[in-house]
Amino acid sequence: DKTLERYKPKLEIYVIDFNPYIAFTVTDRFLSIGFFYESGNYDFTRELISTSPSALKFGKDLFEYYRAKAKRIL
């Protein structure tokens, strides 16, 4: 049924074959970036959060950068 089809959530999963040593979330309203130590452990003491338009653009560009290097698996 095409009516139900438009309500199905879209999910795409990508993987990259290297560790970027950051974790980030970017939405239309905020950017949050967390960092890792060289050991690979997450650093809970440092996080960058911003709602500025330039930060949101940076976050979206960063997302596209990593997605371009990733392989889609789903």
C-alpha atoms as a PDB file:
ATOM      1  CA  ASP A   1       0.000   0.000   0.000  1.00  0.00           C
ATOM      2  CA  LYS A   2       1.549   3.308  -1.113  1.00  0.00           C
ATOM      3  CA  THR A   3      -0.136   5.216   1.732  1.00  0.00           C
ATOM      4  CA  LEU A   4       1.727   3.168   4.334  1.00  0.00           C
ATOM      5  CA  GLU A   5       4.963   3.253   2.328  1.00  0.00           C
ATOM      6  CA  ARG A   6       5.467   6.983   2.907  1.00  0.00           C
ATOM      7  CA  TYR A   7       5.281   6.506   6.698  1.00  0.00           C
ATOM      8  CA  LYS A   8       8.017   3.871   6.874  1.00  0.00           C
ATOM      9  CA  PRO A   9      11.124   5.265   8.542  1.00  0.00           C
ATOM     10  CA  LYS A  10      14.215   5.450   6.386  1.00  0.00           C
ATOM     11  CA  LEU A  11      17.362   3.980   7.787  1.00  0.00           C
ATOM     12  CA  GLU A  12      20.728   3.904   6.110  1.00  0.00           C
ATOM     13  CA  ILE A  13      23.791   2.429   7.787  1.00  0.00           C
ATOM     14  CA  TYR A  14      27.324   3.191   6.658  1.00  0.00           C
ATOM     15  CA  VAL A  15      30.699   1.987   7.965  1.00  0.00           C
ATOM     16  CA  ILE A  16      34.175   3.408   7.611  1.00  0.00           C
ATOM     17  CA  ASP A  17      37.343   1.371   7.875  1.00  0.00           C
ATOM     18  CA  PHE A  18      39.218   3.753  10.181  1.00  0.00           C
ATOM     19  CA  ASN A  19      38.671   5.374  13.567  1.00  0.00           C
ATOM     20  CA  PRO A  20      37.931   9.111  13.261  1.00  0.00           C
ATOM     21  CA  TYR A  21      38.474   9.659  17.035  1.00  0.00           C
ATOM     22  CA  ILE A  22      35.380  11.864  17.252  1.00  0.00           C
ATOM     23  CA  ALA A  23      31.693  11.278  17.817  1.00  0.00           C
ATOM     24  CA  PHE A  24      29.226  13.887  16.687  1.00  0.00           C
ATOM     25  CA  THR A  25      25.568  14.688  16.300  1.00  0.00           C
ATOM     26  CA  VAL A  26      24.321  17.395  13.980  1.00  0.00           C
ATOM     27  CA  THR A  27      20.705  18.443  13.537  1.00  0.00           C
ATOM     28  CA  ASP A  28      18.967  21.512  12.144  1.00  0.00           C
ATOM     29  CA  ARG A  29      19.399  23.162  15.568  1.00  0.00           C
ATOM     30  CA  PHE A  30      22.684  22.080  17.162  1.00  0.00           C
ATOM     31  CA  LEU A  31      26.078  20.460  16.747  1.00  0.00           C
ATOM     32  CA  SER A  32      27.661  18.303  19.442  1.00  0.00           C
ATOM     33  CA  ILE A  33      31.166  16.876  19.034  1.00  0.00           C
ATOM     34  CA  GLY A  34      32.868  14.572  21.517  1.00  0.00           C
ATOM     35  CA  PHE A  35      36.517  13.531  21.366  1.00  0.00           C
ATOM     36  CA  PHE A  36      38.554  10.413  22.079  1.00  0.00           C
ATOM     37  CA  TYR A  37      41.968   9.961  23.620  1.00  0.00           C
ATOM     38  CA  GLU A  38      44.689   8.471  21.425  1.00  0.00           C
ATOM     39  CA  SER A  39      44.124   5.238  23.372  1.00  0.00           C
ATOM     40  CA  GLY A  40      40.643   5.044  21.831  1.00  0.00           C
ATOM     41  CA  ASN A  41      38.783   5.765  25.088  1.00  0.00           C
ATOM     42  CA  TYR A  42      36.114   8.452  25.003  1.00  0.00           C
ATOM     43  CA  ASP A  43      37.053  11.689  26.758  1.00  0.00           C
ATOM     44  CA  PHE A  44      34.010  12.634  28.832  1.00  0.00           C
ATOM     45  CA  THR A  45      35.657  15.904  29.927  1.00  0.00           C
ATOM     46  CA  ARG A  46      35.697  17.595  26.515  1.00  0.00           C
ATOM     47  CA  GLU A  47      32.693  18.263  24.321  1.00  0.00           C
ATOM     48  CA  LEU A  48      31.950  20.989  21.842  1.00  0.00           C
ATOM     49  CA  ILE A  49      28.329  22.139  21.570  1.00  0.00           C
ATOM     50  CA  SER A  50      27.055  24.970  19.407  1.00  0.00           C
ATOM     51  CA  THR A  51      23.881  26.304  17.843  1.00  0.00           C
ATOM     52  CA  SER A  52      25.512  28.891  15.568  1.00  0.00           C
ATOM     53  CA  PRO A  53      24.777  28.690  11.843  1.00  0.00           C
ATOM     54  CA  SER A  54      28.480  28.329  11.021  1.00  0.00           C
ATOM     55  CA  ALA A  55      28.816  25.395  13.445  1.00  0.00           C
ATOM     56  CA  LEU A  56      25.770  23.699  11.920  1.00  0.00           C
ATOM     57  CA  LYS A  57      27.284  24.092   8.449  1.00  0.00           C
ATOM     58  CA  PHE A  58      30.587  22.694   9.721  1.00  0.00           C
ATOM     59  CA  GLY A  59      28.777  19.704  11.266  1.00  0.00           C
ATOM     60  CA  LYS A  60      26.841  18.970   8.087  1.00  0.00           C
ATOM     61  CA  ASP A  61      30.021  19.256   6.011  1.00  0.00           C
ATOM     62  CA  LEU A  62      31.803  16.947   8.451  1.00  0.00           C
ATOM     63  CA  PHE A  63      28.988  14.414   8.152  1.00  0.00           C
ATOM     64  CA  GLU A  64      29.165  14.502   4.347  1.00  0.00           C
ATOM     65  CA  TYR A  65      32.961  14.130   4.493  1.00  0.00           C
ATOM     66  CA  TYR A  66      32.725  10.899   6.481  1.00  0.00           C
ATOM     67  CA  ARG A  67      29.742   9.584   4.538  1.00  0.00           C
ATOM     68  CA  ALA A  68      31.709  10.020   1.289  1.00  0.00           C
ATOM     69  CA  LYS A  69      34.455   7.809   2.746  1.00  0.00           C
ATOM     70  CA  ALA A  70      32.028   5.184   4.047  1.00  0.00           C
ATOM     71  CA  LYS A  71      30.477   2.092   2.538  1.00  0.00           C
ATOM     72  CA  ARG A  72      26.725   1.714   2.755  1.00  0.00           C
ATOM     73  CA  ILE A  73      25.724  -1.621   4.261  1.00  0.00           C
ATOM     74  CA  LEU A  74      21.976  -1.052   4.654  1.00  0.00           C
END
